[in-house]
Amino acid sequence: MKKHIPVEFIYQVFSLILVIIIVHGIYVSVVRPAADAELRADQIAMQEDTAYVPQRSVYVIIRDFEQEACFVLFLWAISIMGLKGWSAHQQRKLLEMDLVPVSEGMRILPEDTREYSRQLQALPERLADFALPRALLTALQRFDSTRNVQDVSQAAYEVCDEEADRLDSELSMIRYIAWAIPSIGFIGTVRGIGEALAQAHKAVEGDIGGVTQALGVAFNSTFIALLLSIVLMFAVHQLQLSQERLVRDSKTYCDRNLVRHMKVR
């Protein structure tokens, strides 16, 4: 598994850089110019008509730096989850393959394990590194050394449980991002409230434009951050559920396609 850690790290770094470039490019070329234009139009309309009520615009809601950072983290987390989801999908395909070609009614004796082990070891490196082939190979090797079916089942389960722990630990970065997004939103809230308090003297004089715009920053950043966090946590739970099902189905595969065929004599 160590061979794949640098590849995943490089993927995460380059995906983060790519997301930053794309999101910042969209903000600079589309979002902020459109938001500034709408804010100017609202100011002109309010000066001409005191009863004018500005409409909430998507561009204005997402225009600030906190929202931009939230979108960067959200899309980065989605890209990481996409890689992990693709890996889980590739591993699930193995459940449809006959990795241990044993017909119904056939028995696997300790003397037969080396032949089946060689078939698993002949798999491409990309497939052999997945949890299911490793669990099957470990089970066969344990049966060859101990000749105990109970030990075989336990060995296969241990490999699957280690895979489950690994998959769960690799979600820690995504869980951190899911926590960081609302935190950034609250930073925008504090910044907006601070700007509003700094312009409180203008509000006393009758000019509330700066105060309302600063409060808009506070509320909009929290709104976007919480919204993205809800969507991201839903996606995280779906990915975790898929991984847990993969581990459970791998255990079932080992029992159905290997362990129940093993006989000492």
Protein backbone atom coordinates (compact mmCIF):
# COMPACT_ATOMS: atom_id res chain seq x y z
CA MET A 1 0.00 0.00 0.00
CA LYS A 2 2.94 2.36 0.52
CA LYS A 3 3.42 2.65 -3.22
CA HIS A 4 0.05 4.35 -3.60
CA ILE A 5 0.44 6.92 -0.81
CA PRO A 6 2.68 9.33 -2.81
CA VAL A 7 0.37 9.08 -5.81
CA GLU A 8 -2.63 10.02 -3.70
CA PHE A 9 -0.71 12.85 -2.06
CA ILE A 10 0.34 14.24 -5.44
CA TYR A 11 -3.26 13.95 -6.63
CA GLN A 12 -4.48 15.92 -3.61
CA VAL A 13 -1.89 18.66 -4.08
CA PHE A 14 -2.53 19.11 -7.80
CA SER A 15 -6.30 18.93 -7.37
CA LEU A 16 -6.09 21.69 -4.73
CA ILE A 17 -4.00 23.87 -7.03
CA LEU A 18 -6.38 23.26 -9.92
CA VAL A 19 -9.45 24.04 -7.81
CA ILE A 20 -7.88 27.28 -6.53
CA ILE A 21 -7.09 28.39 -10.08
CA ILE A 22 -10.55 27.59 -11.41
CA VAL A 23 -12.53 29.07 -8.51
CA HIS A 24 -10.42 32.22 -8.28
CA GLY A 25 -10.63 32.67 -12.05
CA ILE A 26 -14.42 32.46 -11.93
CA TYR A 27 -14.57 34.92 -9.04
CA VAL A 28 -12.29 37.43 -10.71
CA SER A 29 -13.90 37.25 -14.14
CA VAL A 30 -17.56 36.65 -13.32
CA VAL A 31 -18.70 36.73 -9.70
CA ARG A 32 -17.15 39.93 -8.30
CA PRO A 33 -17.72 42.11 -11.41
CA ALA A 34 -21.38 41.01 -11.51
CA ALA A 35 -21.79 41.56 -7.76
CA ASP A 36 -20.22 45.03 -7.90
CA ALA A 37 -22.46 45.98 -10.82
CA GLU A 38 -25.58 44.85 -8.95
CA LEU A 39 -24.54 46.68 -5.79
CA ARG A 40 -24.01 49.91 -7.75
CA ALA A 41 -27.37 49.48 -9.45
CA ASP A 42 -29.06 48.95 -6.07
CA GLN A 43 -27.44 52.07 -4.63
CA ILE A 44 -28.61 54.17 -7.57
CA ALA A 45 -32.12 52.72 -7.32
CA MET A 46 -32.30 53.41 -3.56
CA GLN A 47 -31.18 57.01 -4.10
CA GLU A 48 -33.90 57.52 -6.69
CA ASP A 49 -36.62 55.66 -4.77
CA THR A 50 -36.52 55.46 -0.97
CA ALA A 51 -39.07 52.61 -1.02
CA TYR A 52 -36.88 50.43 -3.24
CA VAL A 53 -36.02 47.03 -1.72
CA PRO A 54 -32.88 45.38 -3.17
CA GLN A 55 -33.25 41.79 -4.32
CA ARG A 56 -30.93 39.12 -2.96
CA SER A 57 -28.53 38.21 -5.75
CA VAL A 58 -26.50 35.01 -5.88
CA TYR A 59 -23.45 36.95 -7.00
CA VAL A 60 -23.70 39.29 -4.02
CA ILE A 61 -24.21 36.41 -1.60
CA ILE A 62 -21.07 34.56 -2.71
CA ARG A 63 -18.82 37.52 -3.59
CA ASP A 64 -16.58 37.70 -0.51
CA PHE A 65 -13.27 35.96 0.18
CA GLU A 66 -14.71 33.65 2.85
CA GLN A 67 -17.23 32.22 0.41
CA GLU A 68 -14.50 31.76 -2.18
CA ALA A 69 -12.40 29.82 0.35
CA CYS A 70 -15.42 27.69 1.24
CA PHE A 71 -15.98 26.78 -2.40
CA VAL A 72 -12.29 25.92 -2.82
CA LEU A 73 -12.35 23.57 0.16
CA PHE A 74 -15.68 22.07 -0.88
CA LEU A 75 -14.56 21.26 -4.42
CA TRP A 76 -11.21 19.98 -3.13
CA ALA A 77 -13.00 17.60 -0.78
CA ILE A 78 -15.27 16.46 -3.61
CA SER A 79 -12.23 15.73 -5.80
CA ILE A 80 -10.64 13.64 -3.03
CA MET A 81 -13.88 11.78 -2.49
CA GLY A 82 -14.13 11.17 -6.21
CA LEU A 83 -10.78 9.37 -6.15
CA LYS A 84 -11.79 7.27 -3.16
CA GLY A 85 -15.17 6.50 -4.70
CA TRP A 86 -13.50 5.39 -7.91
CA SER A 87 -11.14 3.14 -5.92
CA ALA A 88 -14.08 1.58 -4.06
CA HIS A 89 -15.85 1.01 -7.37
CA GLN A 90 -12.80 -0.76 -8.79
CA GLN A 91 -12.58 -2.97 -5.71
CA ARG A 92 -16.27 -3.78 -5.93
CA LYS A 93 -15.72 -5.09 -9.47
CA LEU A 94 -13.52 -7.82 -7.96
CA LEU A 95 -16.54 -9.17 -6.12
CA GLU A 96 -17.96 -10.17 -9.51
CA MET A 97 -14.80 -12.04 -10.53
CA ASP A 98 -13.98 -15.67 -9.83
CA LEU A 99 -10.68 -15.07 -8.08
CA VAL A 100 -10.63 -18.57 -6.60
CA PRO A 101 -12.04 -20.90 -9.29
CA VAL A 102 -13.71 -23.54 -7.14
CA SER A 103 -16.78 -25.31 -8.47
CA GLU A 104 -19.71 -26.18 -6.26
CA GLY A 105 -18.98 -29.39 -4.35
CA MET A 106 -15.22 -29.15 -4.76
CA ARG A 107 -12.93 -29.17 -1.73
CA ILE A 108 -9.77 -27.22 -1.09
CA LEU A 109 -7.17 -29.23 0.78
CA PRO A 110 -4.05 -27.77 2.40
CA GLU A 111 -2.03 -29.26 -0.45
CA ASP A 112 -4.05 -27.25 -2.98
CA THR A 113 -3.43 -23.84 -1.45
CA ARG A 114 -0.17 -23.15 -3.28
CA GLU A 115 -1.83 -23.53 -6.67
CA TYR A 116 -4.63 -21.12 -5.77
CA SER A 117 -2.11 -18.76 -4.18
CA ARG A 118 -0.11 -18.61 -7.39
CA GLN A 119 -3.25 -17.62 -9.30
CA LEU A 120 -3.83 -14.72 -6.91
CA GLN A 121 -0.19 -13.69 -7.02
CA ALA A 122 -0.38 -13.62 -10.83
CA LEU A 123 -2.96 -10.83 -10.72
CA PRO A 124 -1.84 -7.40 -11.96
CA GLU A 125 -0.20 -5.36 -9.22
CA ARG A 126 -3.02 -2.83 -9.30
CA LEU A 127 -5.57 -5.55 -8.49
CA ALA A 128 -3.38 -7.61 -6.16
CA ASP A 129 -3.03 -4.60 -3.86
CA PHE A 130 -6.77 -4.44 -3.19
CA ALA A 131 -8.24 -5.83 0.02
CA LEU A 132 -10.10 -8.84 -1.39
CA PRO A 133 -7.12 -10.52 -3.14
CA ARG A 134 -4.97 -9.87 -0.08
CA ALA A 135 -7.60 -11.41 2.21
CA LEU A 136 -7.92 -14.48 -0.01
CA LEU A 137 -4.15 -14.90 -0.29
CA THR A 138 -3.70 -14.52 3.47
CA ALA A 139 -6.43 -17.09 4.08
CA LEU A 140 -4.80 -19.61 1.73
CA GLN A 141 -1.39 -19.11 3.29
CA ARG A 142 -2.83 -19.49 6.78
CA PHE A 143 -4.60 -22.71 5.76
CA ASP A 144 -1.36 -24.09 4.37
CA SER A 145 0.50 -23.40 7.61
CA THR A 146 -2.12 -24.17 10.28
CA ARG A 147 -4.62 -26.51 8.53
CA ASN A 148 -7.28 -24.89 10.70
CA VAL A 149 -10.38 -23.52 8.96
CA GLN A 150 -11.28 -21.30 11.91
CA ASP A 151 -7.88 -19.62 11.77
CA VAL A 152 -8.35 -19.12 8.04
CA SER A 153 -11.64 -17.28 8.51
CA GLN A 154 -10.14 -15.13 11.25
CA ALA A 155 -7.12 -14.26 9.08
CA ALA A 156 -9.35 -13.17 6.19
CA TYR A 157 -11.50 -11.08 8.52
CA GLU A 158 -8.43 -9.40 10.00
CA VAL A 159 -7.31 -8.23 6.55
CA CYS A 160 -10.80 -6.87 5.83
CA ASP A 161 -10.93 -5.12 9.22
CA GLU A 162 -7.51 -3.55 8.59
CA GLU A 163 -8.81 -2.29 5.25
CA ALA A 164 -11.86 -0.83 6.99
CA ASP A 165 -9.61 0.99 9.48
CA ARG A 166 -7.43 2.30 6.65
CA LEU A 167 -10.41 3.58 4.68
CA ASP A 168 -11.84 5.25 7.76
CA SER A 169 -8.53 6.93 8.64
CA GLU A 170 -8.18 8.27 5.09
CA LEU A 171 -11.49 10.10 5.52
CA SER A 172 -9.95 12.22 8.29
CA MET A 173 -8.83 14.91 5.82
CA ILE A 174 -12.34 15.17 4.37
CA ARG A 175 -13.84 15.36 7.85
CA TYR A 176 -11.38 18.14 8.67
CA ILE A 177 -12.45 20.06 5.56
CA ALA A 178 -16.11 19.56 6.52
CA TRP A 179 -15.26 21.13 9.90
CA ALA A 180 -13.13 23.91 8.39
CA ILE A 181 -15.82 25.17 5.98
CA PRO A 182 -18.28 26.40 8.65
CA SER A 183 -15.33 27.74 10.66
CA ILE A 184 -14.34 29.93 7.71
CA GLY A 185 -17.96 31.02 7.47
CA PHE A 186 -17.88 32.12 11.10
CA ILE A 187 -14.66 34.04 10.41
CA GLY A 188 -16.58 35.95 7.75
CA THR A 189 -19.33 36.58 10.29
CA VAL A 190 -16.87 38.04 12.77
CA ARG A 191 -15.24 40.15 10.06
CA GLY A 192 -18.58 41.47 8.86
CA ILE A 193 -19.80 42.34 12.34
CA GLY A 194 -16.47 44.04 13.06
CA GLU A 195 -16.80 46.18 9.93
CA ALA A 196 -20.38 47.02 10.85
CA LEU A 197 -19.35 48.17 14.34
CA ALA A 198 -16.55 50.25 12.84
CA GLN A 199 -19.14 52.15 10.78
CA ALA A 200 -21.68 52.51 13.58
CA HIS A 201 -21.03 56.28 13.78
CA LYS A 202 -22.21 56.63 10.17
CA ALA A 203 -25.41 54.79 11.00
CA VAL A 204 -26.05 57.25 13.84
CA GLU A 205 -25.68 60.06 11.30
CA GLY A 206 -28.25 58.38 9.05
CA ASP A 207 -25.98 56.59 6.55
CA ILE A 208 -26.68 52.88 7.09
CA GLY A 209 -25.35 51.71 3.71
CA GLY A 210 -21.96 50.64 5.03
CA VAL A 211 -23.43 48.91 8.07
CA THR A 212 -25.95 46.90 6.06
CA GLN A 213 -23.29 45.87 3.53
CA ALA A 214 -20.96 44.72 6.33
CA LEU A 215 -23.78 42.75 7.99
CA GLY A 216 -24.50 41.22 4.60
CA VAL A 217 -20.94 39.90 4.54
CA ALA A 218 -21.46 38.37 7.99
CA PHE A 219 -24.71 36.60 7.21
CA ASN A 220 -23.87 35.58 3.65
CA SER A 221 -20.59 33.90 4.61
CA THR A 222 -22.29 31.85 7.33
CA PHE A 223 -25.15 30.93 5.02
CA ILE A 224 -22.88 29.63 2.23
CA ALA A 225 -20.55 27.84 4.65
CA LEU A 226 -23.36 25.98 6.41
CA LEU A 227 -25.02 25.10 3.12
CA LEU A 228 -21.82 23.64 1.65
CA SER A 229 -21.08 21.82 4.90
CA ILE A 230 -24.48 20.10 4.83
CA VAL A 231 -23.96 18.92 1.25
CA LEU A 232 -20.40 17.76 1.97
CA MET A 233 -21.34 15.80 5.09
CA PHE A 234 -24.08 14.02 3.14
CA ALA A 235 -21.53 13.03 0.49
CA VAL A 236 -19.06 11.88 3.19
CA HIS A 237 -21.67 9.63 4.79
CA GLN A 238 -22.57 8.13 1.41
CA LEU A 239 -18.90 7.39 0.69
CA GLN A 240 -18.39 5.88 4.13
CA LEU A 241 -21.49 3.73 3.68
CA SER A 242 -20.16 2.50 0.32
CA GLN A 243 -16.81 1.60 1.88
CA GLU A 244 -18.43 -0.24 4.79
CA ARG A 245 -20.56 -2.24 2.38
CA LEU A 246 -17.44 -3.09 0.39
CA VAL A 247 -15.69 -4.49 3.47
CA ARG A 248 -18.77 -6.44 4.53
CA ASP A 249 -19.25 -7.90 1.04
CA SER A 250 -15.55 -8.83 0.92
CA LYS A 251 -15.95 -10.87 4.11
CA THR A 252 -19.00 -12.56 2.65
CA TYR A 253 -17.07 -13.32 -0.56
CA CYS A 254 -14.26 -14.97 1.42
CA ASP A 255 -16.71 -17.16 3.31
CA ARG A 256 -18.81 -18.11 0.29
CA ASN A 257 -16.08 -18.60 -2.31
CA LEU A 258 -13.20 -19.90 -0.23
CA VAL A 259 -13.62 -20.81 3.42
CA ARG A 260 -16.64 -23.07 3.05
CA HIS A 261 -14.78 -25.17 0.46
CA MET A 262 -11.81 -25.80 2.76
CA LYS A 263 -11.50 -29.24 4.26
CA VAL A 264 -8.60 -30.76 6.16
CA ARG A 265 -9.54 -34.21 4.82
